[in-house]
């Protein structure tokens, strides 16, 4: 008879100077405590390693993992640990958002204000500034996944974002199941 062990889900935020071996130190610490690396997002930003991870750890090993992760600060890694929580996504529909336009301050602020006003949840967002091939100023690019609340049509969200896209001088595209 196979018995299931109770597992705790932990969400980790990791920040420290970027150097070879950062991911290995995290992976070793997690594996040494019987935890499973479930999902992650990692990036090199201005000389720093920045990571978000979700790990599953047996309940009886969670405290030891917590202490071991905190000890990584002596190696220059700051780790913040949160206990994962179940999220109710019932009735929410996922949509891909793509944005591109000339870089300027306030683009994310303006788009996120529209999304929040419509109760749209930003589930992932990646942004970057890249050189424009034929223009003098760089381009701002964003791609994300958003979750629409029940009752909000893709058409209505698209209209709200188009209303600000002209002022921002950006193109915004939404992809998902049409209403």
Foldseek 3Di string as FASTA:
>chain_A
DDDDFDKWKKKKKKKFFDDPPPVVLVVCLQVVLVKAWDDKDWDQDPRMIIMITIIIGGPVSVVVSVVSVPVCVVVGMDMDMDTDDDDDLPQWFKKKKKKKFFDDPDPCVVLVVLCVVQVKAWPDKDWDWACDPPDDTTMIIMMTMIIGHHPDFPVNSVVSVVVCCVVVGMDMDMDDDHD
